[in-house]
Structures are given as C-alpha cells and as structure tokens.
C-alpha cells in the first residue's frame, strides 16, 4: 500500500475557487482502479493550507494516477492557486491488525 501526502498552500484570495475546482480531481481519483481513499483536509493551525491524503493499492496504481488526464489537468490548474510549490511525500505501509 502506498500513502501519499500532498501539501498545498493556497492563495487566500483564490481559496474558494480552488476548493470548487479540486472537487473534480477528488471524484475522478476515487473512481480509479487501485485507489483506496482520496481525501482533502484543511489545516486548522495554518491558514490556507491543505493536504491531500491518498491511499493506493500499489506503485502501479500511483503511476497510473500520475499519468491520468484529470491529474495532469489538476497540475496545470494548481499553479494559478498555489503560492508555494506542491510538497509531496510518499510512504509505504500496511494496515496494523490489533
């Protein structure tokens, strides 16, 4: 299982439009084969800061997502909303039983 945290710092003047635009990325990504979850979270301690938390079945699912039209469209769109570069961290993990 691959876990991805994509942190985004959004221009305060464009936050509402960013949230409207990102909904299509979330919906399309959740429908991808190999996606276990795809959720956007707002940081309660840092203004205009969001993290997309993604869980994928395997590296092949991540690669397929990164090549998808909806993801590439998001990357093109994100530049107009973000005030700093997208920060992406990926982790390998498995659920703990117990």
PDB file of N, CA and C in Angstrom:
ATOM      1  N   UNK A   1       0.855  -1.171   0.000  1.00  0.00           N
ATOM      2  CA  UNK A   1       0.000   0.000   0.000  1.00  0.00           C
ATOM      3  C   UNK A   1       0.899   1.230   0.000  1.00  0.00           C
ATOM      4  N   UNK A   2       0.530   2.228  -0.798  1.00  0.00           N
ATOM      5  CA  UNK A   2       1.265   3.485  -0.890  1.00  0.00           C
ATOM      6  C   UNK A   2       0.375   4.605  -0.335  1.00  0.00           C
ATOM      7  N   UNK A   3       0.945   5.403   0.561  1.00  0.00           N
ATOM      8  CA  UNK A   3       0.240   6.533   1.160  1.00  0.00           C
ATOM      9  C   UNK A   3       0.940   7.803   0.689  1.00  0.00           C
ATOM     10  N   UNK A   4       0.170   8.732   0.158  1.00  0.00           N
ATOM     11  CA  UNK A   4       0.717   9.981  -0.356  1.00  0.00           C
ATOM     12  C   UNK A   4       0.098  11.146   0.403  1.00  0.00           C
ATOM     13  N   UNK A   5       0.959  12.064   0.838  1.00  0.00           N
ATOM     14  CA  UNK A   5       0.516  13.322   1.434  1.00  0.00           C
ATOM     15  C   UNK A   5       0.983  14.437   0.505  1.00  0.00           C
ATOM     16  N   UNK A   6       0.040  15.142  -0.096  1.00  0.00           N
ATOM     17  CA  UNK A   6       0.355  16.261  -0.987  1.00  0.00           C
ATOM     18  C   UNK A   6      -0.099  17.551  -0.303  1.00  0.00           C
ATOM     19  N   UNK A   7       0.867  18.341   0.152  1.00  0.00           N
ATOM     20  CA  UNK A   7       0.571  19.574   0.884  1.00  0.00           C
ATOM     21  C   UNK A   7       0.526  20.758  -0.069  1.00  0.00           C
ATOM     22  N   UNK A   8      -0.490  21.603   0.134  1.00  0.00           N
ATOM     23  CA  UNK A   8      -0.706  22.744  -0.746  1.00  0.00           C
ATOM     24  C   UNK A   8      -0.969  23.999   0.076  1.00  0.00           C
ATOM     25  N   UNK A   9      -0.284  25.069  -0.257  1.00  0.00           N
ATOM     26  CA  UNK A   9      -0.523  26.374   0.352  1.00  0.00           C
ATOM     27  C   UNK A   9      -1.232  27.223  -0.703  1.00  0.00           C
ATOM     28  N   UNK A  10      -2.490  27.546  -0.439  1.00  0.00           N
ATOM     29  CA  UNK A  10      -3.358  28.198  -1.421  1.00  0.00           C
ATOM     30  C   UNK A  10      -3.396  29.711  -1.200  1.00  0.00           C
ATOM     31  N   UNK A  11      -3.404  30.438  -2.294  1.00  0.00           N
ATOM     32  CA  UNK A  11      -3.571  31.888  -2.260  1.00  0.00           C
ATOM     33  C   UNK A  11      -4.909  32.192  -1.575  1.00  0.00           C
ATOM     34  N   UNK A  12      -4.896  32.956  -0.481  1.00  0.00           N
ATOM     35  CA  UNK A  12      -6.145  33.239   0.243  1.00  0.00           C
ATOM     36  C   UNK A  12      -7.248  33.829  -0.639  1.00  0.00           C
ATOM     37  N   UNK A  13      -6.883  34.631  -1.608  1.00  0.00           N
ATOM     38  CA  UNK A  13      -7.867  35.260  -2.488  1.00  0.00           C
ATOM     39  C   UNK A  13      -8.501  34.260  -3.452  1.00  0.00           C
ATOM     40  N   UNK A  14      -7.887  33.092  -3.600  1.00  0.00           N
ATOM     41  CA  UNK A  14      -8.369  32.112  -4.568  1.00  0.00           C
ATOM     42  C   UNK A  14      -8.818  30.796  -3.925  1.00  0.00           C
ATOM     43  N   UNK A  15      -8.892  30.766  -2.594  1.00  0.00           N
ATOM     44  CA  UNK A  15      -9.222  29.520  -1.897  1.00  0.00           C
ATOM     45  C   UNK A  15     -10.585  28.959  -2.299  1.00  0.00           C
ATOM     46  N   UNK A  16     -11.589  29.795  -2.360  1.00  0.00           N
ATOM     47  CA  UNK A  16     -12.938  29.326  -2.695  1.00  0.00           C
ATOM     48  C   UNK A  16     -12.973  28.696  -4.091  1.00  0.00           C
ATOM     49  N   UNK A  17     -12.350  29.323  -5.051  1.00  0.00           N
ATOM     50  CA  UNK A  17     -12.297  28.783  -6.406  1.00  0.00           C
ATOM     51  C   UNK A  17     -11.471  27.501  -6.450  1.00  0.00           C
ATOM     52  N   UNK A  18     -10.357  27.453  -5.717  1.00  0.00           N
ATOM     53  CA  UNK A  18      -9.536  26.251  -5.620  1.00  0.00           C
ATOM     54  C   UNK A  18     -10.379  25.072  -5.126  1.00  0.00           C
ATOM     55  N   UNK A  19     -11.143  25.288  -4.066  1.00  0.00           N
ATOM     56  CA  UNK A  19     -11.963  24.212  -3.499  1.00  0.00           C
ATOM     57  C   UNK A  19     -13.029  23.741  -4.487  1.00  0.00           C
ATOM     58  N   UNK A  20     -13.567  24.651  -5.248  1.00  0.00           N
ATOM     59  CA  UNK A  20     -14.555  24.288  -6.265  1.00  0.00           C
ATOM     60  C   UNK A  20     -13.894  23.451  -7.364  1.00  0.00           C
ATOM     61  N   UNK A  21     -12.730  23.877  -7.825  1.00  0.00           N
ATOM     62  CA  UNK A  21     -12.034  23.203  -8.926  1.00  0.00           C
ATOM     63  C   UNK A  21     -11.497  21.822  -8.543  1.00  0.00           C
ATOM     64  N   UNK A  22     -11.073  21.651  -7.304  1.00  0.00           N
ATOM     65  CA  UNK A  22     -10.424  20.397  -6.908  1.00  0.00           C
ATOM     66  C   UNK A  22     -11.426  19.250  -6.741  1.00  0.00           C
ATOM     67  N   UNK A  23     -12.704  19.571  -6.654  1.00  0.00           N
ATOM     68  CA  UNK A  23     -13.725  18.526  -6.485  1.00  0.00           C
ATOM     69  C   UNK A  23     -13.708  17.505  -7.623  1.00  0.00           C
ATOM     70  N   UNK A  24     -13.455  17.950  -8.847  1.00  0.00           N
ATOM     71  CA  UNK A  24     -13.437  17.002  -9.973  1.00  0.00           C
ATOM     72  C   UNK A  24     -12.240  16.066  -9.876  1.00  0.00           C
ATOM     73  N   UNK A  25     -11.093  16.566  -9.397  1.00  0.00           N
ATOM     74  CA  UNK A  25      -9.928  15.700  -9.197  1.00  0.00           C
ATOM     75  C   UNK A  25     -10.236  14.634  -8.154  1.00  0.00           C
ATOM     76  N   UNK A  26     -10.845  15.039  -7.064  1.00  0.00           N
ATOM     77  CA  UNK A  26     -11.169  14.094  -5.994  1.00  0.00           C
ATOM     78  C   UNK A  26     -12.116  13.012  -6.501  1.00  0.00           C
ATOM     79  N   UNK A  27     -13.184  13.412  -7.174  1.00  0.00           N
ATOM     80  CA  UNK A  27     -14.167  12.445  -7.670  1.00  0.00           C
ATOM     81  C   UNK A  27     -13.546  11.476  -8.665  1.00  0.00           C
ATOM     82  N   UNK A  28     -12.781  11.983  -9.614  1.00  0.00           N
ATOM     83  CA  UNK A  28     -12.180  11.121 -10.629  1.00  0.00           C
ATOM     84  C   UNK A  28     -11.137  10.189 -10.014  1.00  0.00           C
ATOM     85  N   UNK A  29     -10.362  10.692  -9.070  1.00  0.00           N
ATOM     86  CA  UNK A  29      -9.321   9.872  -8.444  1.00  0.00           C
ATOM     87  C   UNK A  29      -9.916   8.756  -7.607  1.00  0.00           C
ATOM     88  N   UNK A  30     -11.008   9.025  -6.929  1.00  0.00           N
ATOM     89  CA  UNK A  30     -11.670   7.989  -6.121  1.00  0.00           C
ATOM     90  C   UNK A  30     -12.205   6.852  -6.998  1.00  0.00           C
ATOM     91  N   UNK A  31     -12.482   7.143  -8.258  1.00  0.00           N
ATOM     92  CA  UNK A  31     -13.007   6.118  -9.167  1.00  0.00           C
ATOM     93  C   UNK A  31     -11.923   5.309  -9.863  1.00  0.00           C
ATOM     94  N   UNK A  32     -10.661   5.653  -9.638  1.00  0.00           N
ATOM     95  CA  UNK A  32      -9.571   4.932 -10.286  1.00  0.00           C
ATOM     96  C   UNK A  32      -9.383   3.547  -9.673  1.00  0.00           C
ATOM     97  N   UNK A  33      -8.988   2.621 -10.533  1.00  0.00           N
ATOM     98  CA  UNK A  33      -8.631   1.290 -10.066  1.00  0.00           C
ATOM     99  C   UNK A  33      -7.395   1.415  -9.179  1.00  0.00           C
ATOM    100  N   UNK A  34      -7.400   0.774  -8.044  1.00  0.00           N
ATOM    101  CA  UNK A  34      -6.259   0.815  -7.140  1.00  0.00           C
ATOM    102  C   UNK A  34      -6.322   1.916  -6.102  1.00  0.00           C
ATOM    103  N   UNK A  35      -7.340   2.785  -6.168  1.00  0.00           N
ATOM    104  CA  UNK A  35      -7.484   3.835  -5.157  1.00  0.00           C
ATOM    105  C   UNK A  35      -8.275   3.300  -3.972  1.00  0.00           C
ATOM    106  N   UNK A  36      -7.733   3.478  -2.788  1.00  0.00           N
ATOM    107  CA  UNK A  36      -8.430   3.070  -1.569  1.00  0.00           C
ATOM    108  C   UNK A  36      -9.079   4.262  -0.875  1.00  0.00           C
ATOM    109  N   UNK A  37      -8.436   5.423  -0.971  1.00  0.00           N
ATOM    110  CA  UNK A  37      -9.066   6.654  -0.472  1.00  0.00           C
ATOM    111  C   UNK A  37      -8.325   7.861  -1.034  1.00  0.00           C
ATOM    112  N   UNK A  38      -9.046   8.982  -1.091  1.00  0.00           N
ATOM    113  CA  UNK A  38      -8.501  10.217  -1.675  1.00  0.00           C
ATOM    114  C   UNK A  38      -9.261  11.360  -1.015  1.00  0.00           C
ATOM    115  N   UNK A  39      -8.664  11.978  -0.001  1.00  0.00           N
ATOM    116  CA  UNK A  39      -9.369  12.965   0.807  1.00  0.00           C
ATOM    117  C   UNK A  39      -8.545  14.235   0.993  1.00  0.00           C
ATOM    118  N   UNK A  40      -9.223  15.381   0.926  1.00  0.00           N
ATOM    119  CA  UNK A  40      -8.597  16.675   1.130  1.00  0.00           C
ATOM    120  C   UNK A  40      -8.907  17.149   2.550  1.00  0.00           C
ATOM    121  N   UNK A  41      -7.857  17.578   3.258  1.00  0.00           N
ATOM    122  CA  UNK A  41      -8.003  18.060   4.625  1.00  0.00           C
ATOM    123  C   UNK A  41      -7.462  19.485   4.727  1.00  0.00           C
ATOM    124  N   UNK A  42      -8.180  20.310   5.487  1.00  0.00           N
ATOM    125  CA  UNK A  42      -7.728  21.685   5.717  1.00  0.00           C
ATOM    126  C   UNK A  42      -6.998  21.731   7.057  1.00  0.00           C
ATOM    127  N   UNK A  43      -5.829  22.348   7.064  1.00  0.00           N
ATOM    128  CA  UNK A  43      -5.038  22.509   8.282  1.00  0.00           C
ATOM    129  C   UNK A  43      -5.732  23.529   9.173  1.00  0.00           C
ATOM    130  N   UNK A  44      -5.989  23.168  10.414  1.00  0.00           N
ATOM    131  CA  UNK A  44      -6.684  24.079  11.332  1.00  0.00           C
ATOM    132  C   UNK A  44      -5.724  25.031  12.042  1.00  0.00           C
ATOM    133  N   UNK A  45      -4.419  24.820  11.859  1.00  0.00           N
ATOM    134  CA  UNK A  45      -3.439  25.672  12.526  1.00  0.00           C
ATOM    135  C   UNK A  45      -2.688  26.596  11.565  1.00  0.00           C
ATOM    136  N   UNK A  46      -2.784  26.331  10.269  1.00  0.00           N
ATOM    137  CA  UNK A  46      -2.073  27.143   9.282  1.00  0.00           C
ATOM    138  C   UNK A  46      -3.075  27.587   8.221  1.00  0.00           C
ATOM    139  N   UNK A  47      -3.283  28.866   8.116  1.00  0.00           N
ATOM    140  CA  UNK A  47      -4.254  29.412   7.175  1.00  0.00           C
ATOM    141  C   UNK A  47      -3.972  28.997   5.729  1.00  0.00           C
ATOM    142  N   UNK A  48      -5.044  28.676   5.012  1.00  0.00           N
ATOM    143  CA  UNK A  48      -4.994  28.377   3.580  1.00  0.00           C
ATOM    144  C   UNK A  48      -4.082  27.203   3.238  1.00  0.00           C
ATOM    145  N   UNK A  49      -3.913  26.293   4.170  1.00  0.00           N
ATOM    146  CA  UNK A  49      -3.063  25.121   3.976  1.00  0.00           C
ATOM    147  C   UNK A  49      -3.924  23.857   3.926  1.00  0.00           C
ATOM    148  N   UNK A  50      -3.686  23.039   2.894  1.00  0.00           N
ATOM    149  CA  UNK A  50      -4.459  21.822   2.682  1.00  0.00           C
ATOM    150  C   UNK A  50      -3.520  20.649   2.443  1.00  0.00           C
ATOM    151  N   UNK A  51      -3.992  19.452   2.793  1.00  0.00           N
ATOM    152  CA  UNK A  51      -3.244  18.237   2.494  1.00  0.00           C
ATOM    153  C   UNK A  51      -4.183  17.217   1.875  1.00  0.00           C
ATOM    154  N   UNK A  52      -3.776  16.710   0.711  1.00  0.00           N
ATOM    155  CA  UNK A  52      -4.497  15.612   0.087  1.00  0.00           C
ATOM    156  C   UNK A  52      -3.856  14.331   0.618  1.00  0.00           C
ATOM    157  N   UNK A  53      -4.653  13.496   1.239  1.00  0.00           N
ATOM    158  CA  UNK A  53      -4.168  12.214   1.752  1.00  0.00           C
ATOM    159  C   UNK A  53      -4.734  11.131   0.846  1.00  0.00           C
ATOM    160  N   UNK A  54      -3.818  10.433   0.183  1.00  0.00           N
ATOM    161  CA  UNK A  54      -4.190   9.418  -0.795  1.00  0.00           C
ATOM    162  C   UNK A  54      -3.680   8.060  -0.332  1.00  0.00           C
ATOM    163  N   UNK A  55      -4.490   7.043  -0.528  1.00  0.00           N
ATOM    164  CA  UNK A  55      -4.041   5.672  -0.263  1.00  0.00           C
ATOM    165  C   UNK A  55      -4.294   4.864  -1.528  1.00  0.00           C
ATOM    166  N   UNK A  56      -3.203   4.242  -2.006  1.00  0.00           N
ATOM    167  CA  UNK A  56      -3.231   3.479  -3.250  1.00  0.00           C
ATOM    168  C   UNK A  56      -2.841   2.024  -2.981  1.00  0.00           C
ATOM    169  N   UNK A  57      -3.376   1.149  -3.779  1.00  0.00           N
ATOM    170  CA  UNK A  57      -3.107  -0.285  -3.638  1.00  0.00           C
ATOM    171  C   UNK A  57      -1.619  -0.598  -3.796  1.00  0.00           C
ATOM    172  N   UNK A  58      -0.974   0.011  -4.789  1.00  0.00           N
ATOM    173  CA  UNK A  58       0.431  -0.279  -5.054  1.00  0.00           C
ATOM    174  C   UNK A  58       1.034   0.832  -5.918  1.00  0.00           C
ATOM    175  N   UNK A  59       2.318   0.692  -6.221  1.00  0.00           N
ATOM    176  CA  UNK A  59       3.021   1.707  -7.000  1.00  0.00           C
ATOM    177  C   UNK A  59       2.452   1.834  -8.416  1.00  0.00           C
ATOM    178  N   UNK A  60       1.980   0.730  -8.970  1.00  0.00           N
ATOM    179  CA  UNK A  60       1.383   0.780 -10.308  1.00  0.00           C
ATOM    180  C   UNK A  60       0.137   1.669 -10.317  1.00  0.00           C
ATOM    181  N   UNK A  61      -0.647   1.619  -9.258  1.00  0.00           N
ATOM    182  CA  UNK A  61      -1.846   2.463  -9.165  1.00  0.00           C
ATOM    183  C   UNK A  61      -1.453   3.938  -9.068  1.00  0.00           C
ATOM    184  N   UNK A  62      -0.383   4.234  -8.328  1.00  0.00           N
ATOM    185  CA  UNK A  62       0.106   5.611  -8.220  1.00  0.00           C
ATOM    186  C   UNK A  62       0.578   6.102  -9.585  1.00  0.00           C
ATOM    187  N   UNK A  63       1.334   5.265 -10.286  1.00  0.00           N
ATOM    188  CA  UNK A  63       1.844   5.640 -11.609  1.00  0.00           C
ATOM    189  C   UNK A  63       0.692   5.896 -12.582  1.00  0.00           C
ATOM    190  N   UNK A  64      -0.326   5.055 -12.529  1.00  0.00           N
ATOM    191  CA  UNK A  64      -1.487   5.235 -13.401  1.00  0.00           C
ATOM    192  C   UNK A  64      -2.187   6.557 -13.073  1.00  0.00           C
ATOM    193  N   UNK A  65      -2.350   6.842 -11.791  1.00  0.00           N
ATOM    194  CA  UNK A  65      -2.972   8.101 -11.362  1.00  0.00           C
ATOM    195  C   UNK A  65      -2.160   9.302 -11.857  1.00  0.00           C
ATOM    196  N   UNK A  66      -0.845   9.237 -11.677  1.00  0.00           N
ATOM    197  CA  UNK A  66       0.006  10.364 -12.075  1.00  0.00           C
ATOM    198  C   UNK A  66      -0.022  10.617 -13.581  1.00  0.00           C
ATOM    199  N   UNK A  67      -0.383   9.604 -14.364  1.00  0.00           N
ATOM    200  CA  UNK A  67      -0.483   9.758 -15.804  1.00  0.00           C
ATOM    201  C   UNK A  67      -1.888  10.059 -16.294  1.00  0.00           C
ATOM    202  N   UNK A  68      -2.847  10.091 -15.371  1.00  0.00           N
ATOM    203  CA  UNK A  68      -4.244  10.301 -15.760  1.00  0.00           C
ATOM    204  C   UNK A  68      -4.490  11.731 -16.224  1.00  0.00           C
ATOM    205  N   UNK A  69      -5.467  11.886 -17.098  1.00  0.00           N
ATOM    206  CA  UNK A  69      -5.807  13.216 -17.620  1.00  0.00           C
ATOM    207  C   UNK A  69      -6.290  14.151 -16.512  1.00  0.00           C
ATOM    208  N   UNK A  70      -7.090  13.639 -15.571  1.00  0.00           N
ATOM    209  CA  UNK A  70      -7.595  14.511 -14.512  1.00  0.00           C
ATOM    210  C   UNK A  70      -6.476  14.987 -13.583  1.00  0.00           C
ATOM    211  N   UNK A  71      -5.470  14.143 -13.353  1.00  0.00           N
ATOM    212  CA  UNK A  71      -4.353  14.574 -12.515  1.00  0.00           C
ATOM    213  C   UNK A  71      -3.488  15.605 -13.246  1.00  0.00           C
ATOM    214  N   UNK A  72      -3.214  15.351 -14.521  1.00  0.00           N
ATOM    215  CA  UNK A  72      -2.422  16.303 -15.297  1.00  0.00           C
ATOM    216  C   UNK A  72      -3.154  17.647 -15.411  1.00  0.00           C
ATOM    217  N   UNK A  73      -4.466  17.600 -15.551  1.00  0.00           N
ATOM    218  CA  UNK A  73      -5.256  18.837 -15.608  1.00  0.00           C
ATOM    219  C   UNK A  73      -5.159  19.591 -14.277  1.00  0.00           C
ATOM    220  N   UNK A  74      -5.192  18.849 -13.180  1.00  0.00           N
ATOM    221  CA  UNK A  74      -5.062  19.478 -11.869  1.00  0.00           C
ATOM    222  C   UNK A  74      -3.709  20.168 -11.733  1.00  0.00           C
ATOM    223  N   UNK A  75      -2.642  19.499 -12.137  1.00  0.00           N
ATOM    224  CA  UNK A  75      -1.313  20.104 -12.035  1.00  0.00           C
ATOM    225  C   UNK A  75      -1.241  21.413 -12.810  1.00  0.00           C
ATOM    226  N   UNK A  76      -1.844  21.439 -13.982  1.00  0.00           N
ATOM    227  CA  UNK A  76      -1.873  22.660 -14.771  1.00  0.00           C
ATOM    228  C   UNK A  76      -2.680  23.760 -14.098  1.00  0.00           C
ATOM    229  N   UNK A  77      -3.783  23.380 -13.491  1.00  0.00           N
ATOM    230  CA  UNK A  77      -4.674  24.321 -12.822  1.00  0.00           C
ATOM    231  C   UNK A  77      -4.085  24.805 -11.500  1.00  0.00           C
ATOM    232  N   UNK A  78      -3.389  23.945 -10.792  1.00  0.00           N
ATOM    233  CA  UNK A  78      -2.910  24.255  -9.442  1.00  0.00           C
ATOM    234  C   UNK A  78      -1.972  25.452  -9.409  1.00  0.00           C
ATOM    235  N   UNK A  79      -1.209  25.645 -10.449  1.00  0.00           N
ATOM    236  CA  UNK A  79      -0.236  26.739 -10.475  1.00  0.00           C
ATOM    237  C   UNK A  79      -0.882  28.099 -10.250  1.00  0.00           C
ATOM    238  N   UNK A  80      -2.118  28.244 -10.684  1.00  0.00           N
ATOM    239  CA  UNK A  80      -2.773  29.541 -10.525  1.00  0.00           C
ATOM    240  C   UNK A  80      -3.348  29.749  -9.123  1.00  0.00           C
ATOM    241  N   UNK A  81      -3.412  28.692  -8.311  1.00  0.00           N
ATOM    242  CA  UNK A  81      -3.985  28.786  -6.970  1.00  0.00           C
ATOM    243  C   UNK A  81      -2.966  28.681  -5.847  1.00  0.00           C
ATOM    244  N   UNK A  82      -1.839  28.036  -6.103  1.00  0.00           N
ATOM    245  CA  UNK A  82      -0.861  27.794  -5.049  1.00  0.00           C
ATOM    246  C   UNK A  82       0.141  28.932  -4.956  1.00  0.00           C
ATOM    247  N   UNK A  83       0.534  29.266  -3.718  1.00  0.00           N
ATOM    248  CA  UNK A  83       1.519  30.329  -3.519  1.00  0.00           C
ATOM    249  C   UNK A  83       2.893  29.762  -3.196  1.00  0.00           C
ATOM    250  N   UNK A  84       3.010  28.452  -3.122  1.00  0.00           N
ATOM    251  CA  UNK A  84       4.297  27.788  -2.954  1.00  0.00           C
ATOM    252  C   UNK A  84       4.215  26.445  -3.683  1.00  0.00           C
ATOM    253  N   UNK A  85       5.355  25.848  -3.988  1.00  0.00           N
ATOM    254  CA  UNK A  85       5.325  24.572  -4.718  1.00  0.00           C
ATOM    255  C   UNK A  85       4.592  23.478  -3.953  1.00  0.00           C
ATOM    256  N   UNK A  86       3.939  22.624  -4.688  1.00  0.00           N
ATOM    257  CA  UNK A  86       3.275  21.447  -4.138  1.00  0.00           C
ATOM    258  C   UNK A  86       4.327  20.588  -3.461  1.00  0.00           C
ATOM    259  N   UNK A  87       4.083  20.168  -2.238  1.00  0.00           N
ATOM    260  CA  UNK A  87       5.023  19.316  -1.497  1.00  0.00           C
ATOM    261  C   UNK A  87       4.417  17.922  -1.371  1.00  0.00           C
ATOM    262  N   UNK A  88       5.091  16.928  -1.946  1.00  0.00           N
ATOM    263  CA  UNK A  88       4.559  15.568  -1.968  1.00  0.00           C
ATOM    264  C   UNK A  88       5.491  14.629  -1.214  1.00  0.00           C
ATOM    265  N   UNK A  89       4.902  13.851  -0.305  1.00  0.00           N
ATOM    266  CA  UNK A  89       5.633  12.825   0.428  1.00  0.00           C
ATOM    267  C   UNK A  89       4.889  11.509   0.237  1.00  0.00           C
ATOM    268  N   UNK A  90       5.627  10.443  -0.049  1.00  0.00           N
ATOM    269  CA  UNK A  90       5.016   9.127  -0.256  1.00  0.00           C
ATOM    270  C   UNK A  90       5.598   8.140   0.744  1.00  0.00           C
ATOM    271  N   UNK A  91       4.740   7.256   1.235  1.00  0.00           N
ATOM    272  CA  UNK A  91       5.114   6.285   2.246  1.00  0.00           C
ATOM    273  C   UNK A  91       4.609   4.902   1.847  1.00  0.00           C
ATOM    274  N   UNK A  92       5.323   3.894   2.260  1.00  0.00           N
ATOM    275  CA  UNK A  92       4.881   2.516   2.070  1.00  0.00           C
ATOM    276  C   UNK A  92       4.344   2.039   3.412  1.00  0.00           C
ATOM    277  N   UNK A  93       3.195   1.369   3.387  1.00  0.00           N
ATOM    278  CA  UNK A  93       2.635   0.909   4.652  1.00  0.00           C
ATOM    279  C   UNK A  93       1.587  -0.157   4.465  1.00  0.00           C
ATOM    280  N   UNK A  94       1.275  -0.805   5.547  1.00  0.00           N
ATOM    281  CA  UNK A  94       0.212  -1.811   5.597  1.00  0.00           C
ATOM    282  C   UNK A  94      -0.630  -1.574   6.841  1.00  0.00           C
ATOM    283  N   UNK A  95      -1.901  -1.898   6.803  1.00  0.00           N
ATOM    284  CA  UNK A  95      -2.751  -1.725   7.992  1.00  0.00           C
ATOM    285  C   UNK A  95      -2.253  -2.595   9.148  1.00  0.00           C
ATOM    286  N   UNK A  96      -2.341  -2.052  10.343  1.00  0.00           N
ATOM    287  CA  UNK A  96      -1.994  -2.809  11.547  1.00  0.00           C
ATOM    288  C   UNK A  96      -3.228  -3.529  12.048  1.00  0.00           C
ATOM    289  N   UNK A  97      -3.100  -4.762  12.401  1.00  0.00           N
ATOM    290  CA  UNK A  97      -4.208  -5.536  12.967  1.00  0.00           C
ATOM    291  C   UNK A  97      -4.032  -5.592  14.462  1.00  0.00           C
ATOM    292  N   UNK A  98      -5.096  -5.280  15.161  1.00  0.00           N
ATOM    293  CA  UNK A  98      -4.990  -5.392  16.612  1.00  0.00           C
ATOM    294  C   UNK A  98      -5.566  -4.256  17.268  1.00  0.00           C
TER     295      UNK A  98
END
